Amino acid sequence: MKLTPNYYRDRVCLNVLAGSKDNARAIYEAAEGHVLVGVLSKNYADVESAVADMQEYAALIENALSVGLGAGDPRQSQMVSLISQRVQPQHVNQVFTGVGTSRALLGQGQTIVNGLVSPTGHPGYVKISTGPLSAGLPDAIVPIETAIAMLKDMGGSSVKYFPMGGLKNRDEYEYVARACAEHDFWLEPTGGIDLENFEPIVEIALQAGVKKVIPHIYSSIIDSTTGNTRPQDVNTLLESVKSLLA
């Protein structure tokens, strides 16, 4: 079972949500395998039911599974870790304080474990108090360089930068991208990404020199009637990646 994502040209892998198992398979084909398919822990009543269902998802898409929190909900942190321990997916979404638990329970260093940090309104600084208790207290704001070092201490793979609001915080995002490149860390831009702003958001990270970029594109490409991600939009995103890395 492959534990590492299938990056396009070893640089970019998409991250999108699946509304069903059939949708997951269609997404995977549309992205030519260069995708992580998100399934949210929040949609399950308990760990047992989540593990059983996510294992079925993983079997359909060569384990290109991304275990999600659900809108960055810190209350899902422990559940995500427990699910990931048993499913062994290629990708785990975590709040900042949940990274160490996920890595330890995974028992290996190949699966991507991101750590959620948020914009602050001040370039160079990020909010790291994104955990179940800390999210409800005054913001803990630190230099992005320190946040990266702390994530490395905990066994993290990447910064999940959320909520970005698309390019609303462009100067902050550019700083984060440069810091990730300088400190040999990976980057996952998340929040408000759509077919229009996708290319410039990914291009900023690539031009900064980030080695691995995993952009999350969620609600903007989901059919509101079916709840499924549109495979044709996933293919459009892949073509954008190909043009950026041509």
Protein backbone atom coordinates (compact mmCIF):
# COMPACT_ATOMS: atom_id res chain seq x y z
CA MET A 1 0.00 0.00 0.00
CA LYS A 2 1.48 3.30 -1.15
CA LEU A 3 1.73 5.87 1.65
CA THR A 4 2.98 8.85 -0.35
CA PRO A 5 0.89 11.03 -2.69
CA ASN A 6 1.33 10.99 -6.45
CA TYR A 7 2.57 14.53 -7.16
CA TYR A 8 2.54 15.88 -10.69
CA ARG A 9 6.21 16.27 -11.65
CA ASP A 10 7.03 15.69 -7.99
CA ARG A 11 5.71 19.16 -7.06
CA VAL A 12 1.91 19.49 -6.90
CA CYS A 13 -0.92 17.24 -5.74
CA LEU A 14 -4.55 18.40 -5.64
CA ASN A 15 -6.74 17.94 -2.57
CA VAL A 16 -10.52 17.81 -3.13
CA LEU A 17 -13.51 16.32 -1.32
CA ALA A 18 -15.50 13.26 -2.37
CA GLY A 19 -19.27 13.17 -1.99
CA SER A 20 -19.45 9.41 -2.50
CA LYS A 21 -17.31 6.42 -3.40
CA ASP A 22 -18.30 6.68 -7.07
CA ASN A 23 -17.37 10.36 -6.95
CA ALA A 24 -14.01 9.48 -5.38
CA ARG A 25 -13.23 7.11 -8.23
CA ALA A 26 -14.29 9.70 -10.84
CA ILE A 27 -12.16 12.40 -9.17
CA TYR A 28 -9.13 10.13 -9.08
CA GLU A 29 -9.46 9.35 -12.79
CA ALA A 30 -10.04 13.01 -13.72
CA ALA A 31 -6.85 14.02 -11.89
CA GLU A 32 -4.89 11.15 -13.46
CA GLY A 33 -4.02 10.07 -9.93
CA HIS A 34 -2.44 13.40 -8.95
CA VAL A 35 -4.94 14.00 -6.17
CA LEU A 36 -5.71 13.37 -2.54
CA VAL A 37 -9.39 12.62 -2.02
CA GLY A 38 -10.77 14.09 1.18
CA VAL A 39 -13.25 12.24 3.39
CA LEU A 40 -14.35 14.06 6.54
CA SER A 41 -14.25 12.46 9.98
CA LYS A 42 -17.06 14.80 10.98
CA ASN A 43 -19.46 12.80 8.80
CA TYR A 44 -19.20 9.69 10.98
CA ALA A 45 -20.72 8.84 14.33
CA ASP A 46 -17.64 7.04 15.64
CA VAL A 47 -14.15 5.84 14.79
CA GLU A 48 -15.25 2.28 13.94
CA SER A 49 -17.72 3.33 11.24
CA ALA A 50 -15.26 5.86 9.84
CA VAL A 51 -12.45 3.30 9.59
CA ALA A 52 -14.65 0.74 7.83
CA ASP A 53 -15.93 3.24 5.28
CA MET A 54 -12.62 5.02 4.66
CA GLN A 55 -10.88 1.71 4.03
CA GLU A 56 -13.38 1.13 1.23
CA TYR A 57 -12.62 4.57 -0.19
CA ALA A 58 -8.88 3.92 -0.02
CA ALA A 59 -9.22 0.63 -1.89
CA LEU A 60 -10.88 2.41 -4.83
CA ILE A 61 -8.24 5.13 -5.25
CA GLU A 62 -4.94 3.39 -4.54
CA ASN A 63 -4.91 4.78 -1.00
CA ALA A 64 -4.93 8.43 -2.17
CA LEU A 65 -7.06 9.21 0.88
CA SER A 66 -7.00 12.44 2.87
CA VAL A 67 -8.57 12.10 6.32
CA GLY A 68 -10.27 15.41 7.02
CA LEU A 69 -11.40 17.27 10.11
CA GLY A 70 -14.36 19.13 8.63
CA ALA A 71 -13.83 22.88 8.11
CA GLY A 72 -10.80 22.68 10.38
CA ASP A 73 -12.96 21.73 13.37
CA PRO A 74 -10.55 21.23 16.30
CA ARG A 75 -13.05 18.96 18.05
CA GLN A 76 -12.30 16.34 15.38
CA SER A 77 -8.56 16.27 16.10
CA GLN A 78 -8.49 13.14 18.26
CA MET A 79 -10.89 11.26 15.98
CA VAL A 80 -8.72 12.02 12.95
CA SER A 81 -5.66 10.62 14.72
CA LEU A 82 -7.44 7.43 15.76
CA ILE A 83 -8.86 6.87 12.27
CA SER A 84 -5.51 7.50 10.62
CA GLN A 85 -3.73 5.05 12.92
CA ARG A 86 -5.83 2.22 11.52
CA VAL A 87 -6.46 3.35 7.93
CA GLN A 88 -2.87 4.48 7.19
CA PRO A 89 -3.86 7.05 4.53
CA GLN A 90 -1.55 9.10 2.35
CA HIS A 91 -2.65 12.37 3.97
CA VAL A 92 -3.89 13.57 7.36
CA ASN A 93 -5.38 16.99 8.14
CA GLN A 94 -4.66 18.22 11.65
CA VAL A 95 -4.91 21.25 13.86
CA PHE A 96 -1.53 22.53 15.04
CA THR A 97 -1.68 20.79 18.41
CA GLY A 98 -2.77 17.44 16.95
CA VAL A 99 0.24 16.83 14.72
CA GLY A 100 2.37 14.95 17.25
CA THR A 101 -0.46 12.59 18.19
CA SER A 102 -1.21 11.75 14.56
CA ARG A 103 2.43 11.12 13.71
CA ALA A 104 2.99 8.90 16.75
CA LEU A 105 -0.13 6.82 16.12
CA LEU A 106 0.67 6.43 12.43
CA GLY A 107 3.95 4.85 13.43
CA GLN A 108 5.70 5.85 10.20
CA GLY A 109 7.04 8.99 8.56
CA GLN A 110 5.69 8.66 5.02
CA THR A 111 2.08 9.79 5.40
CA ILE A 112 1.70 13.56 5.04
CA VAL A 113 0.53 15.18 8.28
CA ASN A 114 -0.24 18.87 7.97
CA GLY A 115 -0.64 21.36 10.81
CA LEU A 116 -3.25 24.12 10.60
CA VAL A 117 -2.07 27.69 11.09
CA SER A 118 -4.11 30.77 10.30
CA PRO A 119 -3.53 34.29 8.92
CA THR A 120 -3.24 37.09 11.46
CA GLY A 121 -3.32 40.27 9.37
CA HIS A 122 0.43 40.68 9.85
CA PRO A 123 2.85 39.22 7.27
CA GLY A 124 5.37 36.89 8.85
CA TYR A 125 3.14 35.88 11.75
CA VAL A 126 0.59 33.08 12.07
CA LYS A 127 -1.92 31.90 14.62
CA ILE A 128 -1.09 28.46 16.01
CA SER A 129 -3.82 28.21 18.69
CA THR A 130 -6.01 26.04 16.48
CA GLY A 131 -6.50 23.07 18.86
CA PRO A 132 -9.62 21.92 20.75
CA LEU A 133 -8.91 24.05 23.82
CA SER A 134 -6.53 26.69 22.48
CA ALA A 135 -8.91 27.80 19.70
CA GLY A 136 -11.23 29.20 22.36
CA LEU A 137 -8.57 31.26 24.12
CA PRO A 138 -6.66 34.44 23.16
CA ASP A 139 -4.70 33.92 19.94
CA ALA A 140 -1.20 32.51 20.13
CA ILE A 141 0.66 34.33 17.37
CA VAL A 142 4.22 33.40 16.45
CA PRO A 143 6.64 33.98 13.55
CA ILE A 144 5.96 31.55 10.70
CA GLU A 145 9.56 30.35 10.97
CA THR A 146 8.94 29.31 14.58
CA ALA A 147 5.67 27.62 13.64
CA ILE A 148 7.48 25.59 10.97
CA ALA A 149 10.15 24.53 13.43
CA MET A 150 7.49 23.48 15.97
CA LEU A 151 5.66 21.47 13.31
CA LYS A 152 8.93 19.73 12.44
CA ASP A 153 9.46 19.02 16.15
CA MET A 154 6.10 17.24 16.19
CA GLY A 155 6.71 15.22 13.04
CA GLY A 156 4.64 17.40 10.72
CA SER A 157 5.11 17.49 6.96
CA SER A 158 3.49 20.74 5.90
CA VAL A 159 1.77 23.98 6.80
CA LYS A 160 -1.97 23.99 6.17
CA TYR A 161 -2.63 27.69 5.71
CA PHE A 162 -6.33 28.21 6.49
CA PRO A 163 -8.59 30.14 6.08
CA MET A 164 -6.88 32.03 3.28
CA GLY A 165 -9.95 33.61 1.71
CA GLY A 166 -8.43 33.07 -1.71
CA LEU A 167 -5.96 35.87 -2.38
CA LYS A 168 -7.40 38.19 0.28
CA ASN A 169 -4.25 37.80 2.39
CA ARG A 170 -1.84 37.65 -0.53
CA ASP A 171 1.09 39.41 1.18
CA GLU A 172 0.83 37.10 4.19
CA TYR A 173 0.57 34.04 1.96
CA GLU A 174 3.61 35.08 -0.06
CA TYR A 175 5.62 35.39 3.16
CA VAL A 176 4.50 31.92 4.30
CA ALA A 177 5.48 30.46 0.92
CA ARG A 178 8.96 31.98 1.12
CA ALA A 179 9.41 30.70 4.67
CA CYS A 180 8.35 27.17 3.69
CA ALA A 181 10.82 27.20 0.82
CA GLU A 182 13.65 28.57 2.97
CA HIS A 183 13.06 26.04 5.74
CA ASP A 184 12.47 23.03 3.45
CA PHE A 185 8.84 22.54 4.43
CA TRP A 186 5.76 21.85 2.35
CA LEU A 187 2.69 24.06 1.92
CA GLU A 188 -1.05 23.46 1.68
CA PRO A 189 -2.98 26.63 0.78
CA THR A 190 -6.62 26.24 1.83
CA GLY A 191 -9.78 28.34 1.87
CA GLY A 192 -11.58 30.25 -0.86
CA ILE A 193 -9.65 28.66 -3.74
CA ASP A 194 -11.60 28.39 -6.99
CA LEU A 195 -11.01 27.90 -10.71
CA GLU A 196 -10.16 31.60 -11.14
CA ASN A 197 -7.58 32.13 -8.40
CA PHE A 198 -6.14 28.59 -8.36
CA GLU A 199 -3.29 29.28 -10.79
CA PRO A 200 -1.90 32.41 -9.11
CA ILE A 201 -2.14 30.77 -5.67
CA VAL A 202 -0.19 27.71 -6.77
CA GLU A 203 2.22 29.80 -8.85
CA ILE A 204 3.15 31.92 -5.82
CA ALA A 205 4.19 28.79 -3.92
CA LEU A 206 6.08 27.30 -6.86
CA GLN A 207 7.94 30.52 -7.66
CA ALA A 208 8.91 30.87 -3.99
CA GLY A 209 10.57 27.47 -4.30
CA VAL A 210 8.25 25.34 -2.18
CA LYS A 211 9.17 21.72 -2.98
CA LYS A 212 5.70 20.20 -2.50
CA VAL A 213 2.41 22.08 -2.82
CA ILE A 214 -1.00 20.59 -1.97
CA PRO A 215 -3.76 23.11 -2.76
CA HIS A 216 -7.17 22.34 -1.26
CA ILE A 217 -10.11 23.18 -3.54
CA TYR A 218 -13.41 22.41 -1.87
CA SER A 219 -16.80 24.12 -2.02
CA SER A 220 -16.18 26.06 -5.24
CA ILE A 221 -16.11 22.86 -7.31
CA ILE A 222 -18.84 20.93 -5.48
CA ASP A 223 -22.22 20.52 -7.16
CA SER A 224 -24.68 21.90 -4.62
CA THR A 225 -27.44 19.57 -5.82
CA THR A 226 -25.55 16.27 -5.55
CA GLY A 227 -22.86 17.17 -3.00
CA ASN A 228 -20.28 15.69 -5.36
CA THR A 229 -17.10 17.36 -6.59
CA ARG A 230 -17.33 17.94 -10.35
CA PRO A 231 -14.77 15.69 -12.08
CA GLN A 232 -14.56 18.07 -15.06
CA ASP A 233 -13.44 20.85 -12.70
CA VAL A 234 -10.80 18.55 -11.22
CA ASN A 235 -9.53 17.90 -14.72
CA THR A 236 -9.44 21.66 -15.35
CA LEU A 237 -7.32 22.10 -12.21
CA LEU A 238 -4.95 19.37 -13.37
CA GLU A 239 -4.52 21.11 -16.73
CA SER A 240 -3.66 24.32 -14.85
CA VAL A 241 -1.00 22.43 -12.87
CA LYS A 242 0.41 21.00 -16.08
CA SER A 243 0.66 24.47 -17.62
CA LEU A 244 2.39 25.86 -14.51
CA LEU A 245 4.94 23.05 -14.56
CA ALA A 246 5.37 22.82 -18.33
